[in-house]
Amino acid sequence: MILHCMTKAAWEERKDKPAWGRRNLAADGFIHCSTVEYFWRVAPNFRNVEEDLVLVCIDERRLTSEVRFEDGDGCGRAYPHVYGVIANDAVVMVLPFLRDEHGEYRKNPELSDIEDK
């Protein structure tokens, strides 16, 4: 399973469409995602976002678009990049982006059986 974080409002716009991600593809050439194990490492990028966020949980085996695990910033960790739209048929659940009392990401109980790396 891979995760894509977006605003709750953006998800509400996309959830009833067959597929989404064209804006991401136009801007970056792929859709940024993360594995559950590494999401805590990218979560700080969303620290200053005041809107409600969600984690779109995607079964990459259901995607028709290519997924490449790439180390784009040379950190020694490969993150999933989706090179095409994400079909909503591949979305297995959508979870709220949880925060602790300091505004830091708190792992969802539904994901707690997957160990952070």
PDB file of N, CA and C in Angstrom:
ATOM      1  N   MET A   1       0.838  -1.174   0.000  1.00  0.00           N
ATOM      2  CA  MET A   1       0.000   0.000   0.000  1.00  0.00           C
ATOM      3  C   MET A   1       0.888   1.244   0.000  1.00  0.00           C
ATOM      4  N   ILE A   2       0.481   2.227  -0.782  1.00  0.00           N
ATOM      5  CA  ILE A   2       1.177   3.504  -0.818  1.00  0.00           C
ATOM      6  C   ILE A   2       0.185   4.600  -0.440  1.00  0.00           C
ATOM      7  N   LEU A   3       0.724   5.728   0.008  1.00  0.00           N
ATOM      8  CA  LEU A   3      -0.097   6.839   0.481  1.00  0.00           C
ATOM      9  C   LEU A   3       0.133   8.078  -0.362  1.00  0.00           C
ATOM     10  N   HIS A   4      -0.936   8.837  -0.531  1.00  0.00           N
ATOM     11  CA  HIS A   4      -0.841  10.162  -1.139  1.00  0.00           C
ATOM     12  C   HIS A   4      -1.605  11.103  -0.221  1.00  0.00           C
ATOM     13  N   CYS A   5      -0.964  12.181   0.202  1.00  0.00           N
ATOM     14  CA  CYS A   5      -1.582  13.154   1.093  1.00  0.00           C
ATOM     15  C   CYS A   5      -2.127  14.318   0.268  1.00  0.00           C
ATOM     16  N   MET A   6      -3.351  14.731   0.601  1.00  0.00           N
ATOM     17  CA  MET A   6      -3.961  15.884  -0.063  1.00  0.00           C
ATOM     18  C   MET A   6      -4.949  16.528   0.899  1.00  0.00           C
ATOM     19  N   THR A   7      -5.417  17.716   0.537  1.00  0.00           N
ATOM     20  CA  THR A   7      -6.418  18.347   1.386  1.00  0.00           C
ATOM     21  C   THR A   7      -7.720  17.558   1.305  1.00  0.00           C
ATOM     22  N   LYS A   8      -8.472  17.651   2.368  1.00  0.00           N
ATOM     23  CA  LYS A   8      -9.770  16.979   2.385  1.00  0.00           C
ATOM     24  C   LYS A   8     -10.662  17.547   1.283  1.00  0.00           C
ATOM     25  N   ALA A   9     -10.584  18.861   1.066  1.00  0.00           N
ATOM     26  CA  ALA A   9     -11.382  19.497   0.011  1.00  0.00           C
ATOM     27  C   ALA A   9     -11.016  18.944  -1.365  1.00  0.00           C
ATOM     28  N   ALA A  10      -9.727  18.737  -1.612  1.00  0.00           N
ATOM     29  CA  ALA A  10      -9.293  18.177  -2.899  1.00  0.00           C
ATOM     30  C   ALA A  10      -9.832  16.759  -3.064  1.00  0.00           C
ATOM     31  N   TRP A  11      -9.791  15.962  -1.990  1.00  0.00           N
ATOM     32  CA  TRP A  11     -10.322  14.606  -2.077  1.00  0.00           C
ATOM     33  C   TRP A  11     -11.821  14.631  -2.376  1.00  0.00           C
ATOM     34  N   GLU A  12     -12.549  15.535  -1.723  1.00  0.00           N
ATOM     35  CA  GLU A  12     -13.990  15.631  -1.961  1.00  0.00           C
ATOM     36  C   GLU A  12     -14.282  15.909  -3.433  1.00  0.00           C
ATOM     37  N   GLU A  13     -13.427  16.684  -4.084  1.00  0.00           N
ATOM     38  CA  GLU A  13     -13.587  16.968  -5.514  1.00  0.00           C
ATOM     39  C   GLU A  13     -13.293  15.740  -6.379  1.00  0.00           C
ATOM     40  N   ARG A  14     -12.397  14.883  -5.923  1.00  0.00           N
ATOM     41  CA  ARG A  14     -11.900  13.779  -6.743  1.00  0.00           C
ATOM     42  C   ARG A  14     -12.561  12.431  -6.475  1.00  0.00           C
ATOM     43  N   LYS A  15     -13.159  12.264  -5.316  1.00  0.00           N
ATOM     44  CA  LYS A  15     -13.582  10.927  -4.888  1.00  0.00           C
ATOM     45  C   LYS A  15     -14.627  10.271  -5.783  1.00  0.00           C
ATOM     46  N   ASP A  16     -15.411  11.050  -6.488  1.00  0.00           N
ATOM     47  CA  ASP A  16     -16.439  10.465  -7.350  1.00  0.00           C
ATOM     48  C   ASP A  16     -16.027  10.398  -8.818  1.00  0.00           C
ATOM     49  N   LYS A  17     -14.808  10.791  -9.106  1.00  0.00           N
ATOM     50  CA  LYS A  17     -14.299  10.721 -10.479  1.00  0.00           C
ATOM     51  C   LYS A  17     -13.645   9.355 -10.691  1.00  0.00           C
ATOM     52  N   PRO A  18     -13.574   8.894 -11.923  1.00  0.00           N
ATOM     53  CA  PRO A  18     -12.932   7.595 -12.169  1.00  0.00           C
ATOM     54  C   PRO A  18     -11.436   7.606 -11.841  1.00  0.00           C
ATOM     55  N   ALA A  19     -10.774   8.741 -12.074  1.00  0.00           N
ATOM     56  CA  ALA A  19      -9.323   8.834 -11.842  1.00  0.00           C
ATOM     57  C   ALA A  19      -8.960  10.292 -11.587  1.00  0.00           C
ATOM     58  N   TRP A  20      -7.794  10.489 -11.012  1.00  0.00           N
ATOM     59  CA  TRP A  20      -7.337  11.845 -10.702  1.00  0.00           C
ATOM     60  C   TRP A  20      -5.812  11.894 -10.744  1.00  0.00           C
ATOM     61  N   GLY A  21      -5.284  13.111 -10.700  1.00  0.00           N
ATOM     62  CA  GLY A  21      -3.837  13.315 -10.664  1.00  0.00           C
ATOM     63  C   GLY A  21      -3.281  14.069 -11.852  1.00  0.00           C
ATOM     64  N   ARG A  22      -4.131  14.501 -12.758  1.00  0.00           N
ATOM     65  CA  ARG A  22      -3.637  15.176 -13.966  1.00  0.00           C
ATOM     66  C   ARG A  22      -2.863  16.454 -13.643  1.00  0.00           C
ATOM     67  N   ARG A  23      -3.318  17.196 -12.635  1.00  0.00           N
ATOM     68  CA  ARG A  23      -2.591  18.429 -12.258  1.00  0.00           C
ATOM     69  C   ARG A  23      -1.199  18.107 -11.727  1.00  0.00           C
ATOM     70  N   ASN A  24      -1.103  17.060 -10.921  1.00  0.00           N
ATOM     71  CA  ASN A  24       0.208  16.641 -10.409  1.00  0.00           C
ATOM     72  C   ASN A  24       1.123  16.221 -11.549  1.00  0.00           C
ATOM     73  N   LEU A  25       0.567  15.486 -12.494  1.00  0.00           N
ATOM     74  CA  LEU A  25       1.353  15.025 -13.642  1.00  0.00           C
ATOM     75  C   LEU A  25       1.835  16.196 -14.479  1.00  0.00           C
ATOM     76  N   ALA A  26       0.976  17.196 -14.675  1.00  0.00           N
ATOM     77  CA  ALA A  26       1.365  18.367 -15.457  1.00  0.00           C
ATOM     78  C   ALA A  26       2.465  19.154 -14.752  1.00  0.00           C
ATOM     79  N   ALA A  27       2.405  19.215 -13.432  1.00  0.00           N
ATOM     80  CA  ALA A  27       3.385  19.994 -12.670  1.00  0.00           C
ATOM     81  C   ALA A  27       4.711  19.260 -12.489  1.00  0.00           C
ATOM     82  N   ASP A  28       4.655  17.964 -12.162  1.00  0.00           N
ATOM     83  CA  ASP A  28       5.859  17.225 -11.769  1.00  0.00           C
ATOM     84  C   ASP A  28       6.223  16.063 -12.685  1.00  0.00           C
ATOM     85  N   GLY A  29       5.306  15.655 -13.538  1.00  0.00           N
ATOM     86  CA  GLY A  29       5.553  14.504 -14.399  1.00  0.00           C
ATOM     87  C   GLY A  29       5.172  13.182 -13.762  1.00  0.00           C
ATOM     88  N   PHE A  30       4.838  13.199 -12.483  1.00  0.00           N
ATOM     89  CA  PHE A  30       4.402  12.011 -11.750  1.00  0.00           C
ATOM     90  C   PHE A  30       3.643  12.474 -10.519  1.00  0.00           C
ATOM     91  N   ILE A  31       3.039  11.538  -9.816  1.00  0.00           N
ATOM     92  CA  ILE A  31       2.318  11.833  -8.578  1.00  0.00           C
ATOM     93  C   ILE A  31       3.158  11.317  -7.420  1.00  0.00           C
ATOM     94  N   HIS A  32       3.512  12.216  -6.512  1.00  0.00           N
ATOM     95  CA  HIS A  32       4.301  11.855  -5.333  1.00  0.00           C
ATOM     96  C   HIS A  32       3.467  10.991  -4.391  1.00  0.00           C
ATOM     97  N   CYS A  33       4.050   9.903  -3.942  1.00  0.00           N
ATOM     98  CA  CYS A  33       3.424   9.049  -2.935  1.00  0.00           C
ATOM     99  C   CYS A  33       4.500   8.630  -1.937  1.00  0.00           C
ATOM    100  N   SER A  34       4.081   7.898  -0.942  1.00  0.00           N
ATOM    101  CA  SER A  34       5.016   7.376   0.047  1.00  0.00           C
ATOM    102  C   SER A  34       4.541   6.001   0.478  1.00  0.00           C
ATOM    103  N   THR A  35       5.468   5.197   0.922  1.00  0.00           N
ATOM    104  CA  THR A  35       5.073   3.963   1.589  1.00  0.00           C
ATOM    105  C   THR A  35       4.631   4.345   2.996  1.00  0.00           C
ATOM    106  N   VAL A  36       3.882   3.475   3.629  1.00  0.00           N
ATOM    107  CA  VAL A  36       3.466   3.723   5.007  1.00  0.00           C
ATOM    108  C   VAL A  36       4.700   3.822   5.899  1.00  0.00           C
ATOM    109  N   GLU A  37       5.687   2.966   5.649  1.00  0.00           N
ATOM    110  CA  GLU A  37       6.899   2.930   6.480  1.00  0.00           C
ATOM    111  C   GLU A  37       7.654   4.252   6.479  1.00  0.00           C
ATOM    112  N   TYR A  38       7.639   4.961   5.377  1.00  0.00           N
ATOM    113  CA  TYR A  38       8.403   6.204   5.257  1.00  0.00           C
ATOM    114  C   TYR A  38       7.555   7.462   5.381  1.00  0.00           C
ATOM    115  N   PHE A  39       6.234   7.323   5.534  1.00  0.00           N
ATOM    116  CA  PHE A  39       5.412   8.530   5.522  1.00  0.00           C
ATOM    117  C   PHE A  39       5.797   9.503   6.633  1.00  0.00           C
ATOM    118  N   TRP A  40       6.188   9.010   7.790  1.00  0.00           N
ATOM    119  CA  TRP A  40       6.561   9.905   8.885  1.00  0.00           C
ATOM    120  C   TRP A  40       7.716  10.822   8.494  1.00  0.00           C
ATOM    121  N   ARG A  41       8.508  10.400   7.518  1.00  0.00           N
ATOM    122  CA  ARG A  41       9.631  11.223   7.066  1.00  0.00           C
ATOM    123  C   ARG A  41       9.177  12.370   6.164  1.00  0.00           C
ATOM    124  N   VAL A  42       8.064  12.190   5.451  1.00  0.00           N
ATOM    125  CA  VAL A  42       7.572  13.261   4.574  1.00  0.00           C
ATOM    126  C   VAL A  42       6.471  14.078   5.236  1.00  0.00           C
ATOM    127  N   ALA A  43       5.879  13.567   6.299  1.00  0.00           N
ATOM    128  CA  ALA A  43       4.789  14.267   6.983  1.00  0.00           C
ATOM    129  C   ALA A  43       5.152  15.688   7.412  1.00  0.00           C
ATOM    130  N   PRO A  44       6.395  15.966   7.847  1.00  0.00           N
ATOM    131  CA  PRO A  44       6.714  17.351   8.220  1.00  0.00           C
ATOM    132  C   PRO A  44       6.511  18.358   7.085  1.00  0.00           C
ATOM    133  N   ASN A  45       6.508  17.904   5.840  1.00  0.00           N
ATOM    134  CA  ASN A  45       6.247  18.812   4.719  1.00  0.00           C
ATOM    135  C   ASN A  45       4.854  19.417   4.792  1.00  0.00           C
ATOM    136  N   PHE A  46       3.966  18.792   5.552  1.00  0.00           N
ATOM    137  CA  PHE A  46       2.584  19.251   5.661  1.00  0.00           C
ATOM    138  C   PHE A  46       2.318  19.984   6.974  1.00  0.00           C
ATOM    139  N   ARG A  47       3.353  20.225   7.759  1.00  0.00           N
ATOM    140  CA  ARG A  47       3.223  20.826   9.086  1.00  0.00           C
ATOM    141  C   ARG A  47       2.484  22.162   9.051  1.00  0.00           C
ATOM    142  N   ASN A  48       2.773  22.985   8.061  1.00  0.00           N
ATOM    143  CA  ASN A  48       2.194  24.329   8.025  1.00  0.00           C
ATOM    144  C   ASN A  48       0.898  24.421   7.226  1.00  0.00           C
ATOM    145  N   VAL A  49       0.393  23.302   6.774  1.00  0.00           N
ATOM    146  CA  VAL A  49      -0.884  23.299   6.058  1.00  0.00           C
ATOM    147  C   VAL A  49      -2.000  23.343   7.098  1.00  0.00           C
ATOM    148  N   GLU A  50      -2.799  24.387   7.045  1.00  0.00           N
ATOM    149  CA  GLU A  50      -3.848  24.555   8.049  1.00  0.00           C
ATOM    150  C   GLU A  50      -5.150  23.860   7.678  1.00  0.00           C
ATOM    151  N   GLU A  51      -5.326  23.557   6.405  1.00  0.00           N
ATOM    152  CA  GLU A  51      -6.539  22.865   5.975  1.00  0.00           C
ATOM    153  C   GLU A  51      -6.512  21.421   6.467  1.00  0.00           C
ATOM    154  N   ASP A  52      -7.685  20.829   6.578  1.00  0.00           N
ATOM    155  CA  ASP A  52      -7.757  19.407   6.915  1.00  0.00           C
ATOM    156  C   ASP A  52      -7.138  18.600   5.783  1.00  0.00           C
ATOM    157  N   LEU A  53      -6.337  17.615   6.159  1.00  0.00           N
ATOM    158  CA  LEU A  53      -5.668  16.748   5.189  1.00  0.00           C
ATOM    159  C   LEU A  53      -6.174  15.321   5.332  1.00  0.00           C
ATOM    160  N   VAL A  54      -6.027  14.559   4.264  1.00  0.00           N
ATOM    161  CA  VAL A  54      -6.352  13.132   4.295  1.00  0.00           C
ATOM    162  C   VAL A  54      -5.201  12.341   3.688  1.00  0.00           C
ATOM    163  N   LEU A  55      -5.130  11.088   4.082  1.00  0.00           N
ATOM    164  CA  LEU A  55      -4.187  10.139   3.495  1.00  0.00           C
ATOM    165  C   LEU A  55      -4.989   9.200   2.609  1.00  0.00           C
ATOM    166  N   VAL A  56      -4.733   9.267   1.324  1.00  0.00           N
ATOM    167  CA  VAL A  56      -5.391   8.378   0.373  1.00  0.00           C
ATOM    168  C   VAL A  56      -4.531   7.120   0.296  1.00  0.00           C
ATOM    169  N   CYS A  57      -5.100   6.004   0.711  1.00  0.00           N
ATOM    170  CA  CYS A  57      -4.381   4.727   0.762  1.00  0.00           C
ATOM    171  C   CYS A  57      -4.669   3.959  -0.523  1.00  0.00           C
ATOM    172  N   ILE A  58      -3.616   3.654  -1.249  1.00  0.00           N
ATOM    173  CA  ILE A  58      -3.723   3.112  -2.603  1.00  0.00           C
ATOM    174  C   ILE A  58      -3.075   1.730  -2.664  1.00  0.00           C
ATOM    175  N   ASP A  59      -3.806   0.784  -3.222  1.00  0.00           N
ATOM    176  CA  ASP A  59      -3.237  -0.539  -3.492  1.00  0.00           C
ATOM    177  C   ASP A  59      -2.541  -0.444  -4.847  1.00  0.00           C
ATOM    178  N   GLU A  60      -1.230  -0.344  -4.831  1.00  0.00           N
ATOM    179  CA  GLU A  60      -0.486  -0.123  -6.078  1.00  0.00           C
ATOM    180  C   GLU A  60      -0.647  -1.276  -7.067  1.00  0.00           C
ATOM    181  N   ARG A  61      -1.049  -2.436  -6.580  1.00  0.00           N
ATOM    182  CA  ARG A  61      -1.281  -3.575  -7.484  1.00  0.00           C
ATOM    183  C   ARG A  61      -2.525  -3.358  -8.348  1.00  0.00           C
ATOM    184  N   ARG A  62      -3.398  -2.473  -7.912  1.00  0.00           N
ATOM    185  CA  ARG A  62      -4.623  -2.185  -8.670  1.00  0.00           C
ATOM    186  C   ARG A  62      -4.452  -1.033  -9.657  1.00  0.00           C
ATOM    187  N   LEU A  63      -3.331  -0.366  -9.606  1.00  0.00           N
ATOM    188  CA  LEU A  63      -3.111   0.764 -10.508  1.00  0.00           C
ATOM    189  C   LEU A  63      -2.851   0.282 -11.926  1.00  0.00           C
ATOM    190  N   THR A  64      -3.358   1.029 -12.878  1.00  0.00           N
ATOM    191  CA  THR A  64      -3.036   0.754 -14.278  1.00  0.00           C
ATOM    192  C   THR A  64      -1.857   1.608 -14.725  1.00  0.00           C
ATOM    193  N   SER A  65      -1.528   2.635 -13.951  1.00  0.00           N
ATOM    194  CA  SER A  65      -0.379   3.496 -14.243  1.00  0.00           C
ATOM    195  C   SER A  65       0.889   2.887 -13.660  1.00  0.00           C
ATOM    196  N   GLU A  66       2.008   3.212 -14.269  1.00  0.00           N
ATOM    197  CA  GLU A  66       3.304   2.706 -13.803  1.00  0.00           C
ATOM    198  C   GLU A  66       3.691   3.347 -12.474  1.00  0.00           C
ATOM    199  N   VAL A  67       4.211   2.536 -11.569  1.00  0.00           N
ATOM    200  CA  VAL A  67       4.750   3.015 -10.296  1.00  0.00           C
ATOM    201  C   VAL A  67       6.239   2.709 -10.294  1.00  0.00           C
ATOM    202  N   ARG A  68       7.047   3.746 -10.073  1.00  0.00           N
ATOM    203  CA  ARG A  68       8.501   3.561  -9.959  1.00  0.00           C
ATOM    204  C   ARG A  68       8.932   4.001  -8.566  1.00  0.00           C
ATOM    205  N   PHE A  69       9.725   3.177  -7.911  1.00  0.00           N
ATOM    206  CA  PHE A  69      10.291   3.549  -6.624  1.00  0.00           C
ATOM    207  C   PHE A  69      11.628   4.212  -6.907  1.00  0.00           C
ATOM    208  N   GLU A  70      11.707   5.518  -6.590  1.00  0.00           N
ATOM    209  CA  GLU A  70      12.878   6.310  -6.965  1.00  0.00           C
ATOM    210  C   GLU A  70      13.399   7.113  -5.777  1.00  0.00           C
ATOM    211  N   ASP A  71      14.698   7.261  -5.738  1.00  0.00           N
ATOM    212  CA  ASP A  71      15.368   8.090  -4.736  1.00  0.00           C
ATOM    213  C   ASP A  71      15.709   9.417  -5.404  1.00  0.00           C
ATOM    214  N   GLY A  72      14.714  10.256  -5.536  1.00  0.00           N
ATOM    215  CA  GLY A  72      14.866  11.499  -6.286  1.00  0.00           C
ATOM    216  C   GLY A  72      15.759  12.537  -5.646  1.00  0.00           C
ATOM    217  N   ASP A  73      15.909  12.493  -4.318  1.00  0.00           N
ATOM    218  CA  ASP A  73      16.734  13.507  -3.661  1.00  0.00           C
ATOM    219  C   ASP A  73      18.016  12.933  -3.066  1.00  0.00           C
ATOM    220  N   GLY A  74      18.329  11.690  -3.417  1.00  0.00           N
ATOM    221  CA  GLY A  74      19.587  11.094  -2.974  1.00  0.00           C
ATOM    222  C   GLY A  74      19.656  10.812  -1.488  1.00  0.00           C
ATOM    223  N   CYS A  75      18.515  10.552  -0.854  1.00  0.00           N
ATOM    224  CA  CYS A  75      18.481  10.326   0.593  1.00  0.00           C
ATOM    225  C   CYS A  75      18.732   8.866   0.968  1.00  0.00           C
ATOM    226  N   GLY A  76      18.816   7.995  -0.036  1.00  0.00           N
ATOM    227  CA  GLY A  76      19.022   6.584   0.246  1.00  0.00           C
ATOM    228  C   GLY A  76      17.727   5.809   0.434  1.00  0.00           C
ATOM    229  N   ARG A  77      16.592   6.485   0.236  1.00  0.00           N
ATOM    230  CA  ARG A  77      15.286   5.839   0.350  1.00  0.00           C
ATOM    231  C   ARG A  77      14.518   6.056  -0.948  1.00  0.00           C
ATOM    232  N   ALA A  78      13.885   5.011  -1.433  1.00  0.00           N
ATOM    233  CA  ALA A  78      13.102   5.115  -2.668  1.00  0.00           C
ATOM    234  C   ALA A  78      11.630   5.330  -2.320  1.00  0.00           C
ATOM    235  N   TYR A  79      11.049   6.331  -2.942  1.00  0.00           N
ATOM    236  CA  TYR A  79       9.638   6.656  -2.746  1.00  0.00           C
ATOM    237  C   TYR A  79       8.868   6.345  -4.021  1.00  0.00           C
ATOM    238  N   PRO A  80       7.613   5.921  -3.882  1.00  0.00           N
ATOM    239  CA  PRO A  80       6.824   5.592  -5.064  1.00  0.00           C
ATOM    240  C   PRO A  80       6.355   6.839  -5.809  1.00  0.00           C
ATOM    241  N   HIS A  81       6.607   6.850  -7.087  1.00  0.00           N
ATOM    242  CA  HIS A  81       6.124   7.896  -7.989  1.00  0.00           C
ATOM    243  C   HIS A  81       5.200   7.218  -8.989  1.00  0.00           C
ATOM    244  N   VAL A  82       4.001   7.759  -9.137  1.00  0.00           N
ATOM    245  CA  VAL A  82       3.013   7.185 -10.045  1.00  0.00           C
ATOM    246  C   VAL A  82       3.047   7.988 -11.337  1.00  0.00           C
ATOM    247  N   TYR A  83       3.373   7.321 -12.429  1.00  0.00           N
ATOM    248  CA  TYR A  83       3.514   7.962 -13.739  1.00  0.00           C
ATOM    249  C   TYR A  83       2.233   7.790 -14.558  1.00  0.00           C
ATOM    250  N   GLY A  84       1.183   8.359 -14.072  1.00  0.00           N
ATOM    251  CA  GLY A  84      -0.120   8.310 -14.723  1.00  0.00           C
ATOM    252  C   GLY A  84      -1.191   8.594 -13.689  1.00  0.00           C
ATOM    253  N   VAL A  85      -2.420   8.669 -14.137  1.00  0.00           N
ATOM    254  CA  VAL A  85      -3.507   8.976 -13.211  1.00  0.00           C
ATOM    255  C   VAL A  85      -3.716   7.824 -12.234  1.00  0.00           C
ATOM    256  N   ILE A  86      -4.326   8.154 -11.113  1.00  0.00           N
ATOM    257  CA  ILE A  86      -4.667   7.159 -10.102  1.00  0.00           C
ATOM    258  C   ILE A  86      -6.162   6.891 -10.204  1.00  0.00           C
ATOM    259  N   ALA A  87      -6.496   5.671 -10.550  1.00  0.00           N
ATOM    260  CA  ALA A  87      -7.906   5.279 -10.636  1.00  0.00           C
ATOM    261  C   ALA A  87      -8.458   5.096  -9.228  1.00  0.00           C
ATOM    262  N   ASN A  88      -9.647   5.603  -8.994  1.00  0.00           N
ATOM    263  CA  ASN A  88     -10.247   5.452  -7.673  1.00  0.00           C
ATOM    264  C   ASN A  88     -10.526   3.998  -7.325  1.00  0.00           C
ATOM    265  N   ASP A  89     -10.543   3.121  -8.319  1.00  0.00           N
ATOM    266  CA  ASP A  89     -10.674   1.685  -8.046  1.00  0.00           C
ATOM    267  C   ASP A  89      -9.493   1.157  -7.236  1.00  0.00           C
ATOM    268  N   ALA A  90      -8.369   1.866  -7.266  1.00  0.00           N
ATOM    269  CA  ALA A  90      -7.174   1.446  -6.534  1.00  0.00           C
ATOM    270  C   ALA A  90      -7.145   1.986  -5.102  1.00  0.00           C
ATOM    271  N   VAL A  91      -8.045   2.905  -4.779  1.00  0.00           N
ATOM    272  CA  VAL A  91      -8.093   3.495  -3.434  1.00  0.00           C
ATOM    273  C   VAL A  91      -8.809   2.517  -2.508  1.00  0.00           C
ATOM    274  N   VAL A  92      -8.105   2.094  -1.453  1.00  0.00           N
ATOM    275  CA  VAL A  92      -8.681   1.120  -0.526  1.00  0.00           C
ATOM    276  C   VAL A  92      -9.266   1.766   0.724  1.00  0.00           C
ATOM    277  N   MET A  93      -8.770   2.939   1.094  1.00  0.00           N
ATOM    278  CA  MET A  93      -9.357   3.696   2.199  1.00  0.00           C
ATOM    279  C   MET A  93      -8.778   5.104   2.192  1.00  0.00           C
ATOM    280  N   VAL A  94      -9.505   5.987   2.849  1.00  0.00           N
ATOM    281  CA  VAL A  94      -9.070   7.373   3.003  1.00  0.00           C
ATOM    282  C   VAL A  94      -9.138   7.678   4.491  1.00  0.00           C
ATOM    283  N   LEU A  95      -8.008   8.088   5.043  1.00  0.00           N
ATOM    284  CA  LEU A  95      -7.900   8.326   6.480  1.00  0.00           C
ATOM    285  C   LEU A  95      -7.613   9.794   6.758  1.00  0.00           C
ATOM    286  N   PRO A  96      -8.046  10.289   7.902  1.00  0.00           N
ATOM    287  CA  PRO A  96      -7.673  11.657   8.259  1.00  0.00           C
ATOM    288  C   PRO A  96      -6.183  11.726   8.578  1.00  0.00           C
ATOM    289  N   PHE A  97      -5.577  12.854   8.267  1.00  0.00           N
ATOM    290  CA  PHE A  97      -4.187  13.124   8.642  1.00  0.00           C
ATOM    291  C   PHE A  97      -4.237  13.551  10.102  1.00  0.00           C
ATOM    292  N   LEU A  98      -3.791  12.689  10.987  1.00  0.00           N
ATOM    293  CA  LEU A  98      -3.871  12.960  12.423  1.00  0.00           C
ATOM    294  C   LEU A  98      -2.673  13.769  12.891  1.00  0.00           C
ATOM    295  N   ARG A  99      -2.936  14.651  13.851  1.00  0.00           N
ATOM    296  CA  ARG A  99      -1.875  15.480  14.431  1.00  0.00           C
ATOM    297  C   ARG A  99      -1.928  15.380  15.955  1.00  0.00           C
ATOM    298  N   ASP A 100      -0.749  15.485  16.563  1.00  0.00           N
ATOM    299  CA  ASP A 100      -0.701  15.513  18.019  1.00  0.00           C
ATOM    300  C   ASP A 100      -0.925  16.940  18.512  1.00  0.00           C
ATOM    301  N   GLU A 101      -0.771  17.151  19.800  1.00  0.00           N
ATOM    302  CA  GLU A 101      -1.025  18.473  20.395  1.00  0.00           C
ATOM    303  C   GLU A 101      -0.056  19.546  19.904  1.00  0.00           C
ATOM    304  N   HIS A 102       1.055  19.145  19.282  1.00  0.00           N
ATOM    305  CA  HIS A 102       2.032  20.095  18.736  1.00  0.00           C
ATOM    306  C   HIS A 102       1.870  20.285  17.228  1.00  0.00           C
ATOM    307  N   GLY A 103       0.870  19.640  16.663  1.00  0.00           N
ATOM    308  CA  GLY A 103       0.632  19.760  15.228  1.00  0.00           C
ATOM    309  C   GLY A 103       1.435  18.793  14.382  1.00  0.00           C
ATOM    310  N   GLU A 104       2.164  17.881  15.033  1.00  0.00           N
ATOM    311  CA  GLU A 104       2.980  16.903  14.313  1.00  0.00           C
ATOM    312  C   GLU A 104       2.137  15.686  13.925  1.00  0.00           C
ATOM    313  N   TYR A 105       2.521  15.062  12.825  1.00  0.00           N
ATOM    314  CA  TYR A 105       1.821  13.870  12.342  1.00  0.00           C
ATOM    315  C   TYR A 105       1.807  12.777  13.395  1.00  0.00           C
ATOM    316  N   ARG A 106       0.641  12.172  13.548  1.00  0.00           N
ATOM    317  CA  ARG A 106       0.464  11.018  14.427  1.00  0.00           C
ATOM    318  C   ARG A 106      -0.074   9.877  13.568  1.00  0.00           C
ATOM    319  N   LYS A 107       0.577   8.751  13.622  1.00  0.00           N
ATOM    320  CA  LYS A 107       0.212   7.610  12.771  1.00  0.00           C
ATOM    321  C   LYS A 107      -1.203   7.113  13.087  1.00  0.00           C
ATOM    322  N   ASN A 108      -1.949   6.858  12.053  1.00  0.00           N
ATOM    323  CA  ASN A 108      -3.315   6.364  12.199  1.00  0.00           C
ATOM    324  C   ASN A 108      -3.312   4.948  12.763  1.00  0.00           C
ATOM    325  N   PRO A 109      -4.243   4.650  13.661  1.00  0.00           N
ATOM    326  CA  PRO A 109      -4.317   3.294  14.215  1.00  0.00           C
ATOM    327  C   PRO A 109      -4.450   2.217  13.135  1.00  0.00           C
ATOM    328  N   GLU A 110      -5.127   2.548  12.038  1.00  0.00           N
ATOM    329  CA  GLU A 110      -5.309   1.584  10.951  1.00  0.00           C
ATOM    330  C   GLU A 110      -3.990   1.196  10.293  1.00  0.00           C
ATOM    331  N   LEU A 111      -2.962   2.010  10.492  1.00  0.00           N
ATOM    332  CA  LEU A 111      -1.654   1.760   9.876  1.00  0.00           C
ATOM    333  C   LEU A 111      -0.611   1.305  10.894  1.00  0.00           C
ATOM    334  N   SER A 112      -1.018   1.151  12.141  1.00  0.00           N
ATOM    335  CA  SER A 112      -0.056   0.911  13.220  1.00  0.00           C
ATOM    336  C   SER A 112       0.654  -0.435  13.136  1.00  0.00           C
ATOM    337  N   ASP A 113       0.116  -1.381  12.383  1.00  0.00           N
ATOM    338  CA  ASP A 113       0.790  -2.678  12.274  1.00  0.00           C
ATOM    339  C   ASP A 113       1.946  -2.655  11.277  1.00  0.00           C
ATOM    340  N   ILE A 114       2.143  -1.516  10.610  1.00  0.00           N
ATOM    341  CA  ILE A 114       3.249  -1.371   9.654  1.00  0.00           C
ATOM    342  C   ILE A 114       4.339  -0.540  10.326  1.00  0.00           C
ATOM    343  N   GLU A 115       5.520  -1.114  10.459  1.00  0.00           N
ATOM    344  CA  GLU A 115       6.614  -0.485  11.191  1.00  0.00           C
ATOM    345  C   GLU A 115       7.252   0.656  10.402  1.00  0.00           C
ATOM    346  N   ASP A 116       7.510   1.778  11.103  1.00  0.00           N
ATOM    347  CA  ASP A 116       8.214   2.907  10.488  1.00  0.00           C
ATOM    348  C   ASP A 116       9.670   2.544  10.240  1.00  0.00           C
ATOM    349  N   LYS A 117      10.242   3.145   9.184  1.00  0.00           N
ATOM    350  CA  LYS A 117      11.665   2.939   8.875  1.00  0.00           C
ATOM    351  C   LYS A 117      12.353   4.277   8.799  1.00  0.00           C
TER     352      LYS A 117
END
